[in-house]
Amino acid sequence: MKLDPAINVVRKGTLAYVGAFALASDLAGEAFHKFAERGAALERVAREQFDDATSGVRKRFGQVAHDLRKNLGLSIATEQKRPAISANLLVQGRERVLDVLNIPTQDTLHELNTQVDHLSAAIDELRTKMRRAKAEEPAEPLPGYHKMNVETVVSQLAQFDAAGLRAVRAYEQAHAKRVTVLRAIEERLVLKEN
């Protein structure tokens, strides 16, 4: 059976559209997965860099505190009598050093962790929505329907009642959208309803 060239062009255009949509969907899913992996890797690297930086800052801070004690002539015994003052000075000094070195503070890290948690929740919500959308798709009207060609599908339509034909139409419209199949379903529905 030879197809009309116009129908053949429409068919190929439709198949190209469906193929492009499927490819775009696949690429979007892969990109989403890669973004999530990349974000997790960046988070690990940032945490390691922060740990390294804070370790170095603590060492430098200890040295600076020691030098300050020497320069101010404070003895360890005097410092032990005033632990609250010393602790306060150390905290203020640490904050200044972290600020000068442009190293994130605990508050900044807490904010970043909160943002990561929000992003993770959003990703989980999107995955849930995608699973629900897939679950809500109509089931195949016949086993292996998605692999059947037009002629096979049209030859199988005779076994369906009106409700079954509507189910086939819903599945076809949600997936392949083959004009010939949809037209044959409509013709059978008109015959069944009259």
Protein backbone atom coordinates (compact mmCIF):
# COMPACT_ATOMS: atom_id res chain seq x y z
CA MET A 1 0.00 0.00 0.00
CA LYS A 2 1.49 3.29 -1.09
CA LEU A 3 0.91 6.31 1.14
CA ASP A 4 -0.05 9.69 -0.15
CA PRO A 5 3.12 11.91 -0.14
CA ALA A 6 1.34 14.55 1.99
CA ILE A 7 0.36 11.95 4.59
CA ASN A 8 3.89 10.57 4.51
CA VAL A 9 5.32 14.05 5.18
CA VAL A 10 2.86 14.63 8.02
CA ARG A 11 3.67 11.19 9.45
CA LYS A 12 7.41 11.84 9.31
CA GLY A 13 6.93 15.29 10.82
CA THR A 14 4.87 13.82 13.64
CA LEU A 15 7.46 11.11 14.28
CA ALA A 16 10.22 13.74 14.28
CA TYR A 17 8.25 15.82 16.79
CA VAL A 18 7.71 12.82 19.08
CA GLY A 19 11.37 11.83 18.76
CA ALA A 20 12.51 15.38 19.56
CA PHE A 21 10.22 15.50 22.60
CA ALA A 22 11.50 12.15 23.87
CA LEU A 23 15.12 13.19 23.31
CA ALA A 24 14.55 16.50 25.13
CA SER A 25 12.93 14.63 28.02
CA ASP A 26 15.86 12.21 28.24
CA LEU A 27 18.42 15.03 28.11
CA ALA A 28 16.55 17.01 30.78
CA GLY A 29 16.50 13.97 33.08
CA GLU A 30 20.21 13.35 32.56
CA ALA A 31 21.06 17.02 33.12
CA PHE A 32 18.99 17.09 36.32
CA HIS A 33 20.82 14.01 37.60
CA LYS A 34 24.24 15.49 36.70
CA PHE A 35 23.36 18.79 38.42
CA ALA A 36 22.46 16.92 41.60
CA GLU A 37 25.71 14.92 41.49
CA ARG A 38 27.76 18.04 40.78
CA GLY A 39 26.08 19.90 43.64
CA ALA A 40 26.89 17.07 46.05
CA ALA A 41 30.52 17.03 44.88
CA LEU A 42 30.83 20.79 45.30
CA GLU A 43 29.35 20.56 48.77
CA ARG A 44 31.95 17.94 49.77
CA VAL A 45 34.80 20.04 48.34
CA ALA A 46 33.55 23.17 50.11
CA ARG A 47 33.31 21.33 53.43
CA GLU A 48 36.85 19.96 53.04
CA GLN A 49 38.21 23.39 52.15
CA PHE A 50 36.41 24.93 55.10
CA ASP A 51 37.79 22.29 57.47
CA ASP A 52 41.32 22.88 56.14
CA ALA A 53 40.96 26.63 56.38
CA THR A 54 39.54 26.59 59.91
CA SER A 55 42.29 24.25 61.04
CA GLY A 56 44.91 26.64 59.69
CA VAL A 57 43.13 29.63 61.18
CA ARG A 58 42.95 27.95 64.58
CA LYS A 59 46.70 27.34 64.50
CA ARG A 60 47.40 30.92 63.43
CA PHE A 61 44.94 32.22 66.00
CA GLY A 62 46.63 30.23 68.75
CA GLN A 63 49.97 31.69 67.73
CA VAL A 64 48.55 35.24 67.63
CA ALA A 65 46.93 34.75 71.06
CA HIS A 66 50.22 33.46 72.44
CA ASP A 67 52.11 36.44 70.98
CA LEU A 68 49.48 38.83 72.40
CA ARG A 69 49.88 37.35 75.84
CA LYS A 70 53.62 37.78 75.62
CA ASN A 71 53.36 41.35 74.33
CA LEU A 72 50.80 42.35 76.93
CA GLY A 73 52.75 40.73 79.69
CA LEU A 74 49.84 38.55 80.76
CA SER A 75 50.86 35.51 82.70
CA ILE A 76 48.99 32.25 82.43
CA ALA A 77 47.95 32.61 86.06
CA THR A 78 46.39 36.02 85.37
CA GLU A 79 44.62 34.64 82.34
CA GLN A 80 43.20 31.75 84.35
CA LYS A 81 41.66 34.22 86.81
CA ARG A 82 39.81 35.92 84.04
CA PRO A 83 38.63 33.09 81.76
CA ALA A 84 35.49 34.92 80.67
CA ILE A 85 37.47 37.93 79.43
CA SER A 86 40.00 35.72 77.67
CA ALA A 87 37.31 33.63 76.03
CA ASN A 88 35.50 36.75 74.86
CA LEU A 89 38.72 38.19 73.42
CA LEU A 90 39.45 34.91 71.67
CA VAL A 91 35.98 34.75 70.14
CA GLN A 92 36.21 38.36 68.93
CA GLY A 93 39.68 37.76 67.54
CA ARG A 94 38.57 34.59 65.77
CA GLU A 95 35.65 36.41 64.17
CA ARG A 96 37.95 39.20 62.95
CA VAL A 97 40.48 36.74 61.53
CA LEU A 98 37.77 34.77 59.73
CA ASP A 99 36.33 38.01 58.37
CA VAL A 100 39.73 39.26 57.15
CA LEU A 101 40.52 35.93 55.51
CA ASN A 102 37.02 35.84 53.96
CA ILE A 103 36.35 32.40 55.44
CA PRO A 104 32.73 31.45 56.06
CA THR A 105 31.59 31.44 59.66
CA GLN A 106 29.45 28.83 61.37
CA ASP A 107 26.38 30.97 60.69
CA THR A 108 27.22 31.13 56.99
CA LEU A 109 27.70 27.38 56.85
CA HIS A 110 24.42 26.87 58.67
CA GLU A 111 22.69 29.08 56.08
CA LEU A 112 24.30 27.10 53.25
CA ASN A 113 23.22 23.81 54.84
CA THR A 114 19.67 25.15 55.12
CA GLN A 115 19.69 26.12 51.45
CA VAL A 116 21.04 22.68 50.48
CA ASP A 117 18.27 21.07 52.53
CA HIS A 118 15.66 23.21 50.76
CA LEU A 119 17.10 22.30 47.35
CA SER A 120 17.15 18.60 48.27
CA ALA A 121 13.51 18.82 49.34
CA ALA A 122 12.61 20.55 46.06
CA ILE A 123 14.43 17.83 44.09
CA ASP A 124 12.59 15.12 46.03
CA GLU A 125 9.28 16.88 45.37
CA LEU A 126 10.02 17.06 41.63
CA ARG A 127 10.90 13.36 41.56
CA THR A 128 7.65 12.54 43.36
CA LYS A 129 5.66 14.62 40.86
CA MET A 130 7.39 12.89 37.95
CA ARG A 131 6.60 9.45 39.44
CA ARG A 132 2.94 10.45 39.95
CA ALA A 133 2.69 11.72 36.37
CA LYS A 134 4.08 8.42 35.07
CA ALA A 135 1.70 6.45 37.29
CA GLU A 136 -1.28 8.44 36.01
CA GLU A 137 -0.55 7.62 32.37
CA PRO A 138 -3.15 5.29 30.84
CA ALA A 139 -2.13 1.63 30.75
CA GLU A 140 -1.45 -0.10 27.45
CA PRO A 141 -4.77 -1.27 25.98
CA LEU A 142 -3.12 -4.45 24.65
CA PRO A 143 0.12 -6.16 25.71
CA GLY A 144 2.95 -4.82 23.55
CA TYR A 145 0.78 -2.02 22.14
CA HIS A 146 3.64 0.48 22.09
CA LYS A 147 5.54 -1.80 19.65
CA MET A 148 2.60 -2.40 17.29
CA ASN A 149 2.55 -0.72 13.89
CA VAL A 150 -0.51 1.10 12.56
CA GLU A 151 -1.87 -1.84 10.58
CA THR A 152 -1.69 -4.18 13.58
CA VAL A 153 -3.40 -1.69 15.89
CA VAL A 154 -6.20 -1.00 13.38
CA SER A 155 -6.76 -4.74 12.89
CA GLN A 156 -7.10 -5.19 16.69
CA LEU A 157 -9.73 -2.46 17.11
CA ALA A 158 -12.62 -4.77 16.21
CA GLN A 159 -12.33 -6.58 19.54
CA PHE A 160 -13.08 -3.46 21.62
CA ASP A 161 -16.42 -2.10 22.74
CA ALA A 162 -17.03 1.69 22.91
CA ALA A 163 -15.37 2.04 26.34
CA GLY A 164 -12.39 0.01 25.16
CA LEU A 165 -12.07 2.14 22.03
CA ARG A 166 -12.07 5.27 24.17
CA ALA A 167 -9.29 3.76 26.31
CA VAL A 168 -7.26 2.96 23.18
CA ARG A 169 -7.84 6.51 21.93
CA ALA A 170 -6.67 7.99 25.28
CA TYR A 171 -3.51 5.88 25.22
CA GLU A 172 -2.80 6.70 21.58
CA GLN A 173 -3.30 10.44 22.19
CA ALA A 174 -0.99 10.33 25.21
CA HIS A 175 1.76 8.50 23.34
CA ALA A 176 2.21 7.96 19.59
CA LYS A 177 -0.65 10.20 18.35
CA ARG A 178 -0.84 8.30 15.07
CA VAL A 179 -3.46 9.99 12.90
CA THR A 180 -4.45 6.82 11.05
CA VAL A 181 -5.07 4.94 14.30
CA LEU A 182 -7.03 7.83 15.82
CA ARG A 183 -9.14 8.15 12.67
CA ALA A 184 -9.89 4.40 12.68
CA ILE A 185 -10.90 4.57 16.35
CA GLU A 186 -13.25 7.49 15.66
CA GLU A 187 -14.83 5.59 12.75
CA ARG A 188 -15.39 2.52 14.94
CA LEU A 189 -16.83 4.66 17.74
CA VAL A 190 -19.34 6.21 15.33
CA LEU A 191 -20.39 2.72 14.19
CA LYS A 192 -20.68 1.44 17.79
CA GLU A 193 -22.70 4.43 18.97
CA ASN A 194 -25.18 4.31 16.05
